[in-house]
Amino acid sequence: MIPVITISREFGSGGHTIGEQVAKSLSIPFYDGEIVNQTAVESGYCKELIEEQGETTSSASKWFDISAASTMYFQSPQDEIFLAQRKVILDAANKGPCVIVGRCSDYILKKAGIYCLNVLIHADIKHREERVLKRYPDVNRDIDIAKRIERKDKRRRTFYRYYTDRHWGKYENYDLALDSGTLGEDTCVHIICELAEKMNR
């Protein structure tokens, strides 16, 4: 069986597009925005909040700070969203091979013992800036795109560290790391598909 494929990606590296093309090439389901929709159903929170809190965090976003001596447990909305999102990811993976983008899916599936191929897509800042401007043509050109990319990655890194106690983007957490700036999206798709098919057991 082809493994479940998780795509972790730096902002602007083309990870979403690459994952979508991999799913299409292998004729398996693709989960990115659909995770938001299903998490909304599971958690009861609106999609806008899930899009904001479902993959990024900061120290300021922890809504309750519980001391060890507290007799009551308050679960923050972000924690509730994460747990609902985790359930959606596991449900999707348990149905069979698919491609899942981000949201600590690599860690969640590994902890659950689900057969998967964990991929990291990265690129240099120049290629990422070009992709961001191409994908979001209405973005304010006066904004420092490099700073926007750095800020987005920092929030993903914080989120990942908080829920996994691992470092986001470190090569040892992935089976495959691909530079989409150097290789191009099509080559990345080809490599992932070829490896997934070789892992077919």
Protein backbone atom coordinates (compact mmCIF):
# COMPACT_ATOMS: atom_id res chain seq x y z
CA MET A 1 0.00 0.00 0.00
CA ILE A 2 1.20 3.50 -0.80
CA PRO A 3 1.96 5.34 2.47
CA VAL A 4 0.07 8.35 3.71
CA ILE A 5 2.13 11.34 2.59
CA THR A 6 2.54 14.38 4.82
CA ILE A 7 3.82 17.65 3.41
CA SER A 8 5.47 20.11 5.79
CA ARG A 9 6.46 23.32 4.04
CA GLU A 10 8.05 26.68 4.48
CA PHE A 11 5.70 29.51 3.62
CA GLY A 12 5.98 30.30 -0.08
CA SER A 13 7.84 27.10 -0.97
CA GLY A 14 4.98 25.67 -3.03
CA GLY A 15 4.21 22.81 -0.66
CA HIS A 16 0.44 23.05 -1.13
CA THR A 17 0.71 22.90 -4.92
CA ILE A 18 3.25 20.08 -4.81
CA GLY A 19 1.08 18.08 -2.42
CA GLU A 20 -1.99 18.63 -4.57
CA GLN A 21 -0.16 17.43 -7.69
CA VAL A 22 1.22 14.38 -5.86
CA ALA A 23 -2.30 13.41 -4.79
CA LYS A 24 -3.56 13.87 -8.34
CA SER A 25 -0.71 11.81 -9.82
CA LEU A 26 -1.24 8.97 -7.34
CA SER A 27 -5.06 9.22 -7.51
CA ILE A 28 -5.40 9.58 -3.74
CA PRO A 29 -7.29 12.15 -1.62
CA PHE A 30 -5.73 15.52 -0.82
CA TYR A 31 -6.31 17.25 2.52
CA ASP A 32 -5.49 20.86 3.24
CA GLY A 33 -8.45 23.24 3.21
CA GLU A 34 -10.77 20.28 3.77
CA ILE A 35 -9.16 19.79 7.18
CA VAL A 36 -10.38 23.27 8.12
CA ASN A 37 -13.94 22.40 7.07
CA GLN A 38 -13.98 19.11 8.96
CA THR A 39 -12.34 20.64 12.04
CA ALA A 40 -15.08 23.28 12.10
CA VAL A 41 -17.67 20.51 12.23
CA GLU A 42 -15.78 18.61 14.95
CA SER A 43 -14.96 21.60 17.15
CA GLY A 44 -17.89 23.93 16.59
CA TYR A 45 -15.53 26.85 15.94
CA CYS A 46 -15.85 28.98 12.81
CA LYS A 47 -13.57 28.29 9.86
CA GLU A 48 -11.95 31.73 10.13
CA LEU A 49 -10.73 31.01 13.67
CA ILE A 50 -9.50 27.55 12.68
CA GLU A 51 -7.58 29.00 9.73
CA GLU A 52 -5.94 31.46 12.13
CA GLN A 53 -5.30 29.10 15.06
CA GLY A 54 -5.06 25.70 13.34
CA GLU A 55 -1.41 25.84 12.35
CA THR A 56 0.15 28.90 13.94
CA THR A 57 0.53 30.11 17.48
CA SER A 58 2.47 32.49 19.66
CA SER A 59 2.95 32.91 23.38
CA ALA A 60 0.32 35.64 23.29
CA SER A 61 -2.29 33.26 21.90
CA LYS A 62 -2.45 31.00 24.96
CA TRP A 63 -5.75 32.12 26.42
CA PHE A 64 -5.40 30.48 29.83
CA ASP A 65 -2.28 29.95 31.93
CA ILE A 66 -2.86 27.14 34.40
CA SER A 67 -0.60 26.67 37.39
CA ALA A 68 0.31 23.22 38.71
CA ALA A 69 -1.60 23.95 41.89
CA SER A 70 -4.87 24.69 40.08
CA THR A 71 -7.75 22.31 40.79
CA MET A 72 -9.54 23.21 37.57
CA TYR A 73 -8.46 22.56 34.01
CA PHE A 74 -9.19 25.10 31.31
CA GLN A 75 -8.65 23.98 27.74
CA SER A 76 -7.97 26.88 25.45
CA PRO A 77 -9.86 27.23 22.16
CA GLN A 78 -6.57 26.64 20.36
CA ASP A 79 -6.08 23.34 22.20
CA GLU A 80 -9.63 22.31 21.39
CA ILE A 81 -9.01 23.13 17.74
CA PHE A 82 -5.79 21.12 17.75
CA LEU A 83 -7.51 18.05 19.23
CA ALA A 84 -10.37 18.29 16.72
CA GLN A 85 -7.86 18.76 13.91
CA ARG A 86 -5.88 15.75 15.14
CA LYS A 87 -9.03 13.62 14.99
CA VAL A 88 -9.73 14.75 11.43
CA ILE A 89 -6.16 13.93 10.38
CA LEU A 90 -6.27 10.47 11.95
CA ASP A 91 -9.69 9.73 10.46
CA ALA A 92 -8.41 10.70 7.00
CA ALA A 93 -5.24 8.62 7.33
CA ASN A 94 -7.09 5.58 8.64
CA LYS A 95 -9.22 5.52 5.50
CA GLY A 96 -6.14 4.82 3.38
CA PRO A 97 -3.39 6.53 1.38
CA CYS A 98 -3.76 10.30 1.03
CA VAL A 99 -1.74 13.52 1.09
CA ILE A 100 -2.04 15.74 4.18
CA VAL A 101 -0.51 19.22 4.31
CA GLY A 102 0.97 20.61 7.53
CA ARG A 103 -0.76 20.82 10.91
CA CYS A 104 1.73 18.54 12.70
CA SER A 105 0.41 15.64 10.62
CA ASP A 106 3.88 14.07 10.39
CA TYR A 107 4.12 13.88 14.18
CA ILE A 108 0.48 12.88 14.72
CA LEU A 109 0.66 9.95 12.29
CA LYS A 110 4.04 8.75 13.51
CA LYS A 111 2.79 8.72 17.11
CA ALA A 112 -0.26 6.74 15.96
CA GLY A 113 1.92 4.19 14.19
CA ILE A 114 0.43 4.92 10.77
CA TYR A 115 2.60 4.05 7.75
CA CYS A 116 3.61 7.35 6.19
CA LEU A 117 6.14 9.25 4.13
CA ASN A 118 7.01 12.60 5.74
CA VAL A 119 8.23 15.26 3.34
CA LEU A 120 9.62 18.75 3.96
CA ILE A 121 9.45 21.31 1.14
CA HIS A 122 11.77 24.30 1.48
CA ALA A 123 13.32 26.96 -0.74
CA ASP A 124 15.54 30.02 -0.63
CA ILE A 125 13.94 33.36 0.19
CA LYS A 126 14.11 34.68 -3.39
CA HIS A 127 12.02 31.84 -4.81
CA ARG A 128 9.61 32.05 -1.90
CA GLU A 129 9.09 35.79 -2.38
CA GLU A 130 8.34 35.18 -6.06
CA ARG A 131 5.80 32.47 -5.24
CA VAL A 132 4.05 34.58 -2.60
CA LEU A 133 3.71 37.51 -5.00
CA LYS A 134 2.45 35.18 -7.74
CA ARG A 135 -0.06 33.37 -5.53
CA TYR A 136 -1.29 36.52 -3.80
CA PRO A 137 -1.29 39.15 -6.58
CA ASP A 138 -3.33 41.57 -4.45
CA VAL A 139 -0.77 41.64 -1.64
CA ASN A 140 0.38 45.10 -0.61
CA ARG A 141 3.69 45.53 -2.45
CA ASP A 142 4.81 48.07 0.13
CA ILE A 143 4.93 45.32 2.77
CA ASP A 144 8.30 43.65 3.25
CA ILE A 145 7.52 40.21 1.80
CA ALA A 146 10.62 38.63 3.35
CA LYS A 147 9.51 39.76 6.82
CA ARG A 148 6.01 38.43 6.18
CA ILE A 149 7.47 35.04 5.23
CA GLU A 150 9.74 35.03 8.27
CA ARG A 151 6.83 35.90 10.57
CA LYS A 152 4.63 33.15 9.10
CA ASP A 153 7.36 30.53 9.48
CA LYS A 154 8.09 31.65 13.04
CA ARG A 155 4.46 31.14 14.04
CA ARG A 156 4.39 27.69 12.41
CA ARG A 157 7.63 26.82 14.20
CA THR A 158 6.18 27.89 17.55
CA PHE A 159 2.97 25.94 16.95
CA TYR A 160 4.87 22.79 15.98
CA ARG A 161 7.21 23.02 18.96
CA TYR A 162 4.33 23.58 21.36
CA TYR A 163 2.34 20.52 20.26
CA THR A 164 5.16 18.12 19.38
CA ASP A 165 8.14 19.23 21.50
CA ARG A 166 10.19 18.90 18.30
CA HIS A 167 11.86 21.46 16.06
CA TRP A 168 9.91 22.25 12.89
CA GLY A 169 12.03 22.07 9.76
CA LYS A 170 14.84 19.91 11.18
CA TYR A 171 15.80 17.24 8.67
CA GLU A 172 15.76 14.35 11.15
CA ASN A 173 11.99 14.73 11.54
CA TYR A 174 11.37 13.91 7.87
CA ASP A 175 12.02 11.07 5.45
CA LEU A 176 12.64 13.44 2.56
CA ALA A 177 13.59 17.14 2.29
CA LEU A 178 13.30 18.82 -1.12
CA ASP A 179 14.40 22.29 -2.25
CA SER A 180 11.60 23.40 -4.57
CA GLY A 181 13.59 26.50 -5.56
CA THR A 182 16.43 24.43 -6.97
CA LEU A 183 14.50 21.38 -8.18
CA GLY A 184 11.25 23.01 -9.32
CA GLU A 185 7.76 21.84 -8.40
CA ASP A 186 7.45 19.20 -11.13
CA THR A 187 10.66 17.46 -10.09
CA CYS A 188 9.57 17.49 -6.44
CA VAL A 189 6.26 15.89 -7.43
CA HIS A 190 8.06 13.24 -9.48
CA ILE A 191 10.49 12.37 -6.66
CA ILE A 192 7.75 12.07 -4.04
CA CYS A 193 5.54 9.94 -6.28
CA GLU A 194 8.41 7.67 -7.26
CA LEU A 195 9.44 7.14 -3.64
CA ALA A 196 5.85 6.52 -2.53
CA GLU A 197 5.39 3.91 -5.23
CA LYS A 198 8.65 2.21 -4.23
CA MET A 199 7.41 2.12 -0.63
CA ASN A 200 4.23 0.41 -1.82
CA ARG A 201 4.07 -2.85 0.04
